Amino acid sequence: MSRVSPPGLSRGPSPVVLGSQDALPVATAFTEYVHAYFKGRDADSCLVKVTGELTMSFPAGIVRVFSGSMAPPVLSFRLLNAGTIEQFLPNAELLYSDPSQSDPSTRDFWLNMAALTGQLQKQAEQSPSASYYNVALLKYQFSRLGPDSAPLRLCVRWDCTPGATRVSVEYGYNAGALALPVPLANVHVLLPLDEPVTNVRLQPKASWNLEEKRLLWKLLDVPSAPGQGGCGRLSASWQPLCGPSKPSPVAAQFSSEGSTLSGVEVELAGAGYRMSLVKKRFAT
């Protein structure tokens, strides 16, 4: 499964009213990238690796508050349901954490406010008209074994003879792999075809990517409607012109909004701030 560029937040937290005594608004986004590896027809053989990113968003007005004469309160937060995370990779310039915390399901962090203020000031100088600024705080990683850990299961079969090649791809949506069941959007299945062939037959219809030399099925959302099982079968056949075809990995791509695979949650741990928005998404 290939990687997509990390997205930004669609909007920032609510504006800061300068001089207000209210808590300062911040927003958080979790983005997870899932890589799942299946071995051909062995549906039970699956390794899922996930890399997550936590980004915090600050409204532009908060830069003036942080740069004022009074030192801002320390911004601290807590990650919940973090027991599955195998490795945390904090932004060393901005984030502190106590590695001796005893509860494996939670993890506390707090920010270097001087460094945060400096980074926000730099972003404000580079983009003075922006309404908010995003700051990458940490990455995390974990892995799971078994097909129940993948949001989309794949089972591929190649039958190759000197005169014909047949490929079948079975796919199935797995809501149990997600903290909150949400559809997979823009599902693409890509089948490599980099040899001279003739008499290509596809079911259902697929498009040909000449640059990448791959067949592309666009499935849109899986499942496409409530109550549907979210499973299906794709097939392709052709006549190779240079002897038997060599099986190659079939890839799937998708994205999703509103859930993660880890189930990690965030809450603010100190005074002076309020969480105005938490976004969650994952993608291949």
Foldseek 3Di string as FASTA:
>chain_A
DDDDDDDDDPDFFDDDDPPDPDFFEKAKEKEKEKDKDDDAQPQFWIKIKIKMWMKMKHFLVVLCVCPDPDHADKWKKKKAQQLQWPDKFWPVQWKDWDPPDDDSRMTMIITPSVSVSVVSVVVCVVPVPDGMDMDTTIMIMGMDHTNLQDQKTWHKDWDKFFFKIKIKIKMFGRQSLWPGRDKWFFKKKKAAADADWDDKDWVPDWDADPVRRITIDTPGIFVPDPPDGRIDMIMMMTTGPPGIDDHDDMDMWTKTWDTDSSNMDMDIDDPRYDYRYYIYMYID
